Amino acid sequence: MEAGIVGLPNVGKSTLFNALTCSQAAQSANYPFCTIEPNEGIVSVPDDRLQRILKH
């Protein structure tokens, strides 16, 4: 499964990304367009219901 974080500039997308991935991979600063290139991360989601969703 793949997901993305989309939003207006300077609203906390990189901060949310870093929190979800438990990393500091995405640079975050207090000015718009700090992150130009997309960041990629892998997160484990331990939820048995996801197996049912992936089948459809």
PDB file of N, CA and C in Angstrom:
ATOM      1  N   MET A   1       0.850  -1.165   0.000  1.00  0.00           N
ATOM      2  CA  MET A   1       0.000   0.000   0.000  1.00  0.00           C
ATOM      3  C   MET A   1       0.896   1.228   0.000  1.00  0.00           C
ATOM      4  N   GLU A   2       0.514   2.216  -0.750  1.00  0.00           N
ATOM      5  CA  GLU A   2       1.265   3.466  -0.797  1.00  0.00           C
ATOM      6  C   GLU A   2       0.347   4.613  -0.419  1.00  0.00           C
ATOM      7  N   ALA A   3       0.913   5.607   0.242  1.00  0.00           N
ATOM      8  CA  ALA A   3       0.143   6.788   0.653  1.00  0.00           C
ATOM      9  C   ALA A   3       1.030   8.013   0.513  1.00  0.00           C
ATOM     10  N   GLY A   4       0.415   9.165   0.409  1.00  0.00           N
ATOM     11  CA  GLY A   4       1.159  10.412   0.296  1.00  0.00           C
ATOM     12  C   GLY A   4       0.600  11.463   1.229  1.00  0.00           C
ATOM     13  N   ILE A   5       1.413  12.450   1.533  1.00  0.00           N
ATOM     14  CA  ILE A   5       1.001  13.589   2.357  1.00  0.00           C
ATOM     15  C   ILE A   5       1.024  14.811   1.449  1.00  0.00           C
ATOM     16  N   VAL A   6      -0.122  15.441   1.288  1.00  0.00           N
ATOM     17  CA  VAL A   6      -0.253  16.588   0.395  1.00  0.00           C
ATOM     18  C   VAL A   6      -0.854  17.741   1.176  1.00  0.00           C
ATOM     19  N   GLY A   7      -0.381  18.955   0.933  1.00  0.00           N
ATOM     20  CA  GLY A   7      -0.959  20.107   1.614  1.00  0.00           C
ATOM     21  C   GLY A   7      -0.292  21.404   1.205  1.00  0.00           C
ATOM     22  N   LEU A   8      -0.788  22.459   1.756  1.00  0.00           N
ATOM     23  CA  LEU A   8      -0.266  23.792   1.483  1.00  0.00           C
ATOM     24  C   LEU A   8       1.150  23.946   2.036  1.00  0.00           C
ATOM     25  N   PRO A   9       1.910  24.931   1.547  1.00  0.00           N
ATOM     26  CA  PRO A   9       3.261  25.157   2.060  1.00  0.00           C
ATOM     27  C   PRO A   9       3.255  25.556   3.540  1.00  0.00           C
ATOM     28  N   ASN A  10       4.263  25.088   4.253  1.00  0.00           N
ATOM     29  CA  ASN A  10       4.521  25.524   5.630  1.00  0.00           C
ATOM     30  C   ASN A  10       3.402  25.173   6.609  1.00  0.00           C
ATOM     31  N   VAL A  11       2.789  23.975   6.431  1.00  0.00           N
ATOM     32  CA  VAL A  11       1.725  23.568   7.352  1.00  0.00           C
ATOM     33  C   VAL A  11       2.102  22.365   8.211  1.00  0.00           C
ATOM     34  N   GLY A  12       3.300  21.772   7.989  1.00  0.00           N
ATOM     35  CA  GLY A  12       3.750  20.685   8.848  1.00  0.00           C
ATOM     36  C   GLY A  12       3.798  19.317   8.199  1.00  0.00           C
ATOM     37  N   LYS A  13       3.784  19.242   6.882  1.00  0.00           N
ATOM     38  CA  LYS A  13       3.838  17.946   6.205  1.00  0.00           C
ATOM     39  C   LYS A  13       5.137  17.206   6.528  1.00  0.00           C
ATOM     40  N   SER A  14       6.258  17.892   6.476  1.00  0.00           N
ATOM     41  CA  SER A  14       7.546  17.253   6.767  1.00  0.00           C
ATOM     42  C   SER A  14       7.634  16.838   8.226  1.00  0.00           C
ATOM     43  N   THR A  15       7.095  17.639   9.112  1.00  0.00           N
ATOM     44  CA  THR A  15       7.078  17.286  10.532  1.00  0.00           C
ATOM     45  C   THR A  15       6.235  16.043  10.758  1.00  0.00           C
ATOM     46  N   LEU A  16       5.082  15.965  10.111  1.00  0.00           N
ATOM     47  CA  LEU A  16       4.227  14.777  10.207  1.00  0.00           C
ATOM     48  C   LEU A  16       4.939  13.564   9.622  1.00  0.00           C
ATOM     49  N   PHE A  17       5.583  13.731   8.478  1.00  0.00           N
ATOM     50  CA  PHE A  17       6.340  12.644   7.857  1.00  0.00           C
ATOM     51  C   PHE A  17       7.408  12.123   8.814  1.00  0.00           C
ATOM     52  N   ASN A  18       8.165  13.023   9.419  1.00  0.00           N
ATOM     53  CA  ASN A  18       9.214  12.618  10.361  1.00  0.00           C
ATOM     54  C   ASN A  18       8.628  11.904  11.572  1.00  0.00           C
ATOM     55  N   ALA A  19       7.483  12.349  12.053  1.00  0.00           N
ATOM     56  CA  ALA A  19       6.848  11.699  13.203  1.00  0.00           C
ATOM     57  C   ALA A  19       6.356  10.300  12.832  1.00  0.00           C
ATOM     58  N   LEU A  20       5.756  10.154  11.665  1.00  0.00           N
ATOM     59  CA  LEU A  20       5.231   8.854  11.244  1.00  0.00           C
ATOM     60  C   LEU A  20       6.336   7.847  10.974  1.00  0.00           C
ATOM     61  N   THR A  21       7.463   8.309  10.449  1.00  0.00           N
ATOM     62  CA  THR A  21       8.563   7.404  10.114  1.00  0.00           C
ATOM     63  C   THR A  21       9.595   7.293  11.233  1.00  0.00           C
ATOM     64  N   CYS A  22       9.376   7.997  12.328  1.00  0.00           N
ATOM     65  CA  CYS A  22      10.325   7.992  13.460  1.00  0.00           C
ATOM     66  C   CYS A  22      11.739   8.320  12.976  1.00  0.00           C
ATOM     67  N   SER A  23      11.845   9.363  12.170  1.00  0.00           N
ATOM     68  CA  SER A  23      13.149   9.752  11.632  1.00  0.00           C
ATOM     69  C   SER A  23      13.217  11.264  11.488  1.00  0.00           C
ATOM     70  N   GLN A  24      14.337  11.720  11.002  1.00  0.00           N
ATOM     71  CA  GLN A  24      14.521  13.128  10.642  1.00  0.00           C
ATOM     72  C   GLN A  24      14.884  13.210   9.161  1.00  0.00           C
ATOM     73  N   ALA A  25      14.316  12.309   8.364  1.00  0.00           N
ATOM     74  CA  ALA A  25      14.648  12.213   6.938  1.00  0.00           C
ATOM     75  C   ALA A  25      14.224  13.447   6.158  1.00  0.00           C
ATOM     76  N   ALA A  26      13.078  14.012   6.503  1.00  0.00           N
ATOM     77  CA  ALA A  26      12.575  15.182   5.781  1.00  0.00           C
ATOM     78  C   ALA A  26      13.025  16.449   6.494  1.00  0.00           C
ATOM     79  N   GLN A  27      13.688  17.322   5.748  1.00  0.00           N
ATOM     80  CA  GLN A  27      14.108  18.599   6.331  1.00  0.00           C
ATOM     81  C   GLN A  27      12.868  19.430   6.627  1.00  0.00           C
ATOM     82  N   SER A  28      12.809  20.002   7.813  1.00  0.00           N
ATOM     83  CA  SER A  28      11.683  20.880   8.152  1.00  0.00           C
ATOM     84  C   SER A  28      12.235  22.182   8.708  1.00  0.00           C
ATOM     85  N   ALA A  29      11.713  23.288   8.213  1.00  0.00           N
ATOM     86  CA  ALA A  29      12.149  24.615   8.638  1.00  0.00           C
ATOM     87  C   ALA A  29      10.951  25.549   8.604  1.00  0.00           C
ATOM     88  N   ASN A  30      11.118  26.705   9.192  1.00  0.00           N
ATOM     89  CA  ASN A  30      10.011  27.646   9.339  1.00  0.00           C
ATOM     90  C   ASN A  30       9.946  28.623   8.159  1.00  0.00           C
ATOM     91  N   TYR A  31       9.995  28.101   6.946  1.00  0.00           N
ATOM     92  CA  TYR A  31       9.789  28.935   5.761  1.00  0.00           C
ATOM     93  C   TYR A  31       9.199  28.060   4.655  1.00  0.00           C
ATOM     94  N   PRO A  32       8.387  28.648   3.790  1.00  0.00           N
ATOM     95  CA  PRO A  32       7.724  27.871   2.733  1.00  0.00           C
ATOM     96  C   PRO A  32       8.720  27.254   1.749  1.00  0.00           C
ATOM     97  N   PHE A  33       8.337  26.131   1.184  1.00  0.00           N
ATOM     98  CA  PHE A  33       9.092  25.417   0.155  1.00  0.00           C
ATOM     99  C   PHE A  33      10.469  24.971   0.629  1.00  0.00           C
ATOM    100  N   CYS A  34      10.580  24.644   1.904  1.00  0.00           N
ATOM    101  CA  CYS A  34      11.825  24.095   2.447  1.00  0.00           C
ATOM    102  C   CYS A  34      12.101  22.730   1.813  1.00  0.00           C
ATOM    103  N   THR A  35      11.056  21.933   1.636  1.00  0.00           N
ATOM    104  CA  THR A  35      11.188  20.611   1.034  1.00  0.00           C
ATOM    105  C   THR A  35      10.710  20.681  -0.407  1.00  0.00           C
ATOM    106  N   ILE A  36      11.620  20.528  -1.336  1.00  0.00           N
ATOM    107  CA  ILE A  36      11.274  20.567  -2.758  1.00  0.00           C
ATOM    108  C   ILE A  36      11.177  19.147  -3.319  1.00  0.00           C
ATOM    109  N   GLU A  37      12.164  18.324  -3.026  1.00  0.00           N
ATOM    110  CA  GLU A  37      12.176  16.941  -3.503  1.00  0.00           C
ATOM    111  C   GLU A  37      11.327  16.064  -2.582  1.00  0.00           C
ATOM    112  N   PRO A  38      10.597  15.089  -3.136  1.00  0.00           N
ATOM    113  CA  PRO A  38       9.778  14.206  -2.302  1.00  0.00           C
ATOM    114  C   PRO A  38      10.638  13.321  -1.401  1.00  0.00           C
ATOM    115  N   ASN A  39      10.111  13.010  -0.236  1.00  0.00           N
ATOM    116  CA  ASN A  39      10.760  12.098   0.702  1.00  0.00           C
ATOM    117  C   ASN A  39      10.000  10.783   0.681  1.00  0.00           C
ATOM    118  N   GLU A  40      10.724   9.683   0.875  1.00  0.00           N
ATOM    119  CA  GLU A  40      10.107   8.367   0.913  1.00  0.00           C
ATOM    120  C   GLU A  40      10.484   7.676   2.203  1.00  0.00           C
ATOM    121  N   GLY A  41       9.524   6.954   2.771  1.00  0.00           N
ATOM    122  CA  GLY A  41       9.778   6.208   3.987  1.00  0.00           C
ATOM    123  C   GLY A  41       8.915   4.964   4.027  1.00  0.00           C
ATOM    124  N   ILE A  42       9.289   4.022   4.865  1.00  0.00           N
ATOM    125  CA  ILE A  42       8.539   2.782   5.048  1.00  0.00           C
ATOM    126  C   ILE A  42       8.131   2.702   6.507  1.00  0.00           C
ATOM    127  N   VAL A  43       6.845   2.411   6.719  1.00  0.00           N
ATOM    128  CA  VAL A  43       6.305   2.346   8.070  1.00  0.00           C
ATOM    129  C   VAL A  43       5.539   1.045   8.230  1.00  0.00           C
ATOM    130  N   SER A  44       5.739   0.360   9.324  1.00  0.00           N
ATOM    131  CA  SER A  44       4.979  -0.841   9.642  1.00  0.00           C
ATOM    132  C   SER A  44       3.669  -0.437  10.315  1.00  0.00           C
ATOM    133  N   VAL A  45       2.569  -0.993   9.816  1.00  0.00           N
ATOM    134  CA  VAL A  45       1.252  -0.704  10.393  1.00  0.00           C
ATOM    135  C   VAL A  45       0.673  -2.032  10.869  1.00  0.00           C
ATOM    136  N   PRO A  46       0.824  -2.352  12.153  1.00  0.00           N
ATOM    137  CA  PRO A  46       0.352  -3.642  12.665  1.00  0.00           C
ATOM    138  C   PRO A  46      -1.169  -3.652  12.873  1.00  0.00           C
ATOM    139  N   ASP A  47      -1.902  -3.914  11.800  1.00  0.00           N
ATOM    140  CA  ASP A  47      -3.363  -3.952  11.869  1.00  0.00           C
ATOM    141  C   ASP A  47      -3.841  -5.075  10.954  1.00  0.00           C
ATOM    142  N   ASP A  48      -4.462  -6.091  11.523  1.00  0.00           N
ATOM    143  CA  ASP A  48      -4.919  -7.247  10.758  1.00  0.00           C
ATOM    144  C   ASP A  48      -5.930  -6.876   9.679  1.00  0.00           C
ATOM    145  N   ARG A  49      -6.661  -5.787   9.855  1.00  0.00           N
ATOM    146  CA  ARG A  49      -7.665  -5.383   8.873  1.00  0.00           C
ATOM    147  C   ARG A  49      -7.033  -4.975   7.548  1.00  0.00           C
ATOM    148  N   LEU A  50      -5.776  -4.593   7.554  1.00  0.00           N
ATOM    149  CA  LEU A  50      -5.110  -4.189   6.316  1.00  0.00           C
ATOM    150  C   LEU A  50      -5.013  -5.337   5.317  1.00  0.00           C
ATOM    151  N   GLN A  51      -4.903  -6.558   5.790  1.00  0.00           N
ATOM    152  CA  GLN A  51      -4.839  -7.705   4.881  1.00  0.00           C
ATOM    153  C   GLN A  51      -6.120  -7.826   4.065  1.00  0.00           C
ATOM    154  N   ARG A  52      -7.262  -7.560   4.684  1.00  0.00           N
ATOM    155  CA  ARG A  52      -8.541  -7.592   3.954  1.00  0.00           C
ATOM    156  C   ARG A  52      -8.603  -6.472   2.928  1.00  0.00           C
ATOM    157  N   ILE A  53      -8.112  -5.301   3.293  1.00  0.00           N
ATOM    158  CA  ILE A  53      -8.136  -4.163   2.376  1.00  0.00           C
ATOM    159  C   ILE A  53      -7.238  -4.438   1.171  1.00  0.00           C
ATOM    160  N   LEU A  54      -6.075  -5.027   1.400  1.00  0.00           N
ATOM    161  CA  LEU A  54      -5.127  -5.275   0.317  1.00  0.00           C
ATOM    162  C   LEU A  54      -5.649  -6.271  -0.711  1.00  0.00           C
ATOM    163  N   LYS A  55      -6.595  -7.135  -0.318  1.00  0.00           N
ATOM    164  CA  LYS A  55      -7.154  -8.123  -1.241  1.00  0.00           C
ATOM    165  C   LYS A  55      -8.098  -7.492  -2.251  1.00  0.00           C
ATOM    166  N   HIS A  56      -8.599  -6.298  -1.983  1.00  0.00           N
ATOM    167  CA  HIS A  56      -9.598  -5.674  -2.871  1.00  0.00           C
ATOM    168  C   HIS A  56      -9.003  -4.609  -3.729  1.00  0.00           C
TER     169      HIS A  56
END
